[in-house]
Amino acid sequence: MPSTVRNGFAFAVITLALAGGLAVAGPAHGEAHRTQPVADRASTLTPVSDNTSAAGVRKVRINGTQVALRECPRTSCRVVTRVSSTTLRAFCQANRHTTKVSGNKWWTKVTLLHGSDPAWVSNHYVRGAAPKVPHLPGC
């Protein structure tokens, strides 16, 4: 390849890269115009209340000590962990194929606030759940 062609090609590559038309590193040119700086993105987040998150997940308070969180909504299921007077993330609740605990057949699917695999807790131990958690969807 003659040096004038090679120099012309190198000039074109550099020009395209500087103009944003060549994706050397980072997003493609079309995506670059749609992304906002980090500071702008943070300011567009909407605040949420203590009881919900952006995805509609509620927080529930557990009453009692050594309350079992189980693999399924039955007392015959394996205990994953035990919690005492704590707050958990609640996703949904069910009353089918469950075991009654002190007369309450409703169970809530939960995770720990700092993250964990989903588990189930009887609504008997959930504060304000008589017999079910208000405004929490069914599973």
Protein backbone atom coordinates (compact mmCIF):
# COMPACT_ATOMS: atom_id res chain seq x y z
CA MET A 1 0.00 0.00 0.00
CA PRO A 2 1.51 3.37 -0.99
CA SER A 3 2.32 5.72 1.90
CA THR A 4 -0.13 8.40 0.69
CA VAL A 5 -3.03 5.93 0.82
CA ARG A 6 -1.91 4.63 4.21
CA ASN A 7 -1.61 8.20 5.55
CA GLY A 8 -5.05 9.07 4.13
CA PHE A 9 -6.58 6.00 5.75
CA ALA A 10 -4.97 6.80 9.12
CA PHE A 11 -6.23 10.40 8.86
CA ALA A 12 -9.78 9.16 8.15
CA VAL A 13 -9.71 6.77 11.12
CA ILE A 14 -8.48 9.48 13.49
CA THR A 15 -11.04 11.98 12.17
CA LEU A 16 -13.91 9.51 12.61
CA ALA A 17 -12.75 8.58 16.10
CA LEU A 18 -12.54 12.23 17.17
CA ALA A 19 -15.93 13.01 15.65
CA GLY A 20 -17.52 10.12 17.52
CA GLY A 21 -18.35 8.20 14.38
CA LEU A 22 -16.08 5.29 15.20
CA ALA A 23 -16.58 3.28 18.37
CA VAL A 24 -13.05 2.75 19.61
CA ALA A 25 -14.04 2.38 23.25
CA GLY A 26 -17.37 3.00 24.90
CA PRO A 27 -20.91 3.16 23.51
CA ALA A 28 -21.79 3.39 19.84
CA HIS A 29 -22.30 6.86 18.42
CA GLY A 30 -26.12 6.58 18.45
CA GLU A 31 -26.15 5.49 22.08
CA ALA A 32 -23.84 8.27 23.21
CA HIS A 33 -26.52 10.89 22.60
CA ARG A 34 -29.11 9.01 24.67
CA THR A 35 -27.02 8.51 27.80
CA GLN A 36 -27.04 11.11 30.54
CA PRO A 37 -24.11 11.97 32.77
CA VAL A 38 -24.13 10.13 36.09
CA ALA A 39 -25.06 13.25 38.05
CA ASP A 40 -28.11 13.83 35.82
CA ARG A 41 -29.28 10.22 36.11
CA ALA A 42 -29.10 10.32 39.90
CA SER A 43 -31.25 13.44 40.05
CA THR A 44 -34.03 11.83 37.98
CA LEU A 45 -34.58 9.00 40.49
CA THR A 46 -37.87 9.30 42.33
CA PRO A 47 -37.87 8.99 46.11
CA VAL A 48 -39.86 6.12 47.61
CA SER A 49 -41.62 5.76 50.93
CA ASP A 50 -40.45 3.49 53.73
CA ASN A 51 -43.02 0.83 52.80
CA THR A 52 -42.29 0.41 49.08
CA SER A 53 -39.48 0.42 46.56
CA ALA A 54 -39.50 1.43 42.92
CA ALA A 55 -40.56 -2.11 41.96
CA GLY A 56 -43.54 -2.04 44.34
CA VAL A 57 -41.93 -4.34 46.91
CA ARG A 58 -43.10 -3.62 50.44
CA LYS A 59 -41.16 -3.78 53.67
CA VAL A 60 -42.75 -5.71 56.52
CA ARG A 61 -41.85 -5.88 60.19
CA ILE A 62 -41.53 -9.29 61.84
CA ASN A 63 -42.70 -9.63 65.46
CA GLY A 64 -41.19 -12.36 67.59
CA THR A 65 -37.88 -14.03 68.30
CA GLN A 66 -36.34 -16.84 66.29
CA VAL A 67 -39.12 -16.70 63.66
CA ALA A 68 -38.49 -19.33 60.96
CA LEU A 69 -38.08 -18.30 57.32
CA ARG A 70 -38.86 -21.41 55.25
CA GLU A 71 -38.29 -22.74 51.72
CA CYS A 72 -42.06 -22.99 51.10
CA PRO A 73 -45.23 -21.75 52.85
CA ARG A 74 -45.66 -24.78 55.11
CA THR A 75 -44.33 -25.68 58.55
CA SER A 76 -43.09 -28.98 57.10
CA CYS A 77 -40.62 -27.12 54.82
CA ARG A 78 -36.96 -26.70 55.70
CA VAL A 79 -36.02 -23.65 57.80
CA VAL A 80 -33.63 -21.44 55.79
CA THR A 81 -32.85 -19.04 58.64
CA ARG A 82 -34.38 -17.54 61.75
CA VAL A 83 -34.94 -13.84 62.44
CA SER A 84 -35.96 -11.81 65.48
CA SER A 85 -37.85 -8.48 65.43
CA THR A 86 -36.56 -7.35 62.04
CA THR A 87 -37.68 -5.76 58.78
CA LEU A 88 -37.84 -7.81 55.58
CA ARG A 89 -38.69 -7.15 51.92
CA ALA A 90 -42.07 -8.67 51.01
CA PHE A 91 -42.92 -9.60 47.41
CA CYS A 92 -46.26 -11.38 47.55
CA GLN A 93 -48.45 -13.56 49.76
CA ALA A 94 -50.36 -16.82 49.39
CA ASN A 95 -52.99 -18.83 51.23
CA ARG A 96 -53.18 -21.94 49.01
CA HIS A 97 -51.26 -25.11 49.83
CA THR A 98 -50.10 -23.53 53.11
CA THR A 99 -50.08 -24.55 56.76
CA LYS A 100 -52.09 -22.56 59.31
CA VAL A 101 -50.05 -20.95 62.08
CA SER A 102 -52.20 -19.90 65.06
CA GLY A 103 -55.25 -19.90 62.79
CA ASN A 104 -53.70 -17.81 59.98
CA LYS A 105 -53.25 -19.62 56.64
CA TRP A 106 -51.54 -16.66 54.85
CA TRP A 107 -47.78 -16.67 54.21
CA THR A 108 -45.55 -13.92 52.74
CA LYS A 109 -42.60 -14.40 50.37
CA VAL A 110 -39.68 -12.34 51.73
CA THR A 111 -35.96 -11.62 51.49
CA LEU A 112 -33.58 -10.00 53.93
CA LEU A 113 -33.08 -6.25 53.37
CA HIS A 114 -29.41 -6.68 52.43
CA GLY A 115 -30.34 -9.45 49.98
CA SER A 116 -30.91 -13.18 50.20
CA ASP A 117 -32.72 -15.99 48.46
CA PRO A 118 -36.51 -15.78 48.78
CA ALA A 119 -38.09 -17.49 51.78
CA TRP A 120 -41.55 -17.69 53.34
CA VAL A 121 -42.79 -16.42 56.70
CA SER A 122 -46.20 -17.02 58.25
CA ASN A 123 -48.32 -13.86 58.36
CA HIS A 124 -48.94 -14.68 62.02
CA TYR A 125 -45.52 -13.07 62.67
CA VAL A 126 -45.94 -10.08 60.30
CA ARG A 127 -46.93 -6.86 62.06
CA GLY A 128 -50.28 -5.55 60.78
CA ALA A 129 -51.15 -8.70 58.83
CA ALA A 130 -54.52 -9.83 60.10
CA PRO A 131 -54.93 -12.18 58.28
CA LYS A 132 -53.01 -10.77 55.28
CA VAL A 133 -50.65 -7.88 54.53
CA PRO A 134 -52.62 -4.91 53.14
CA HIS A 135 -51.81 -3.89 49.54
CA LEU A 136 -49.47 -6.83 48.97
CA PRO A 137 -50.35 -8.85 45.84
CA GLY A 138 -50.98 -12.57 45.78
CA CYS A 139 -48.34 -14.99 44.51
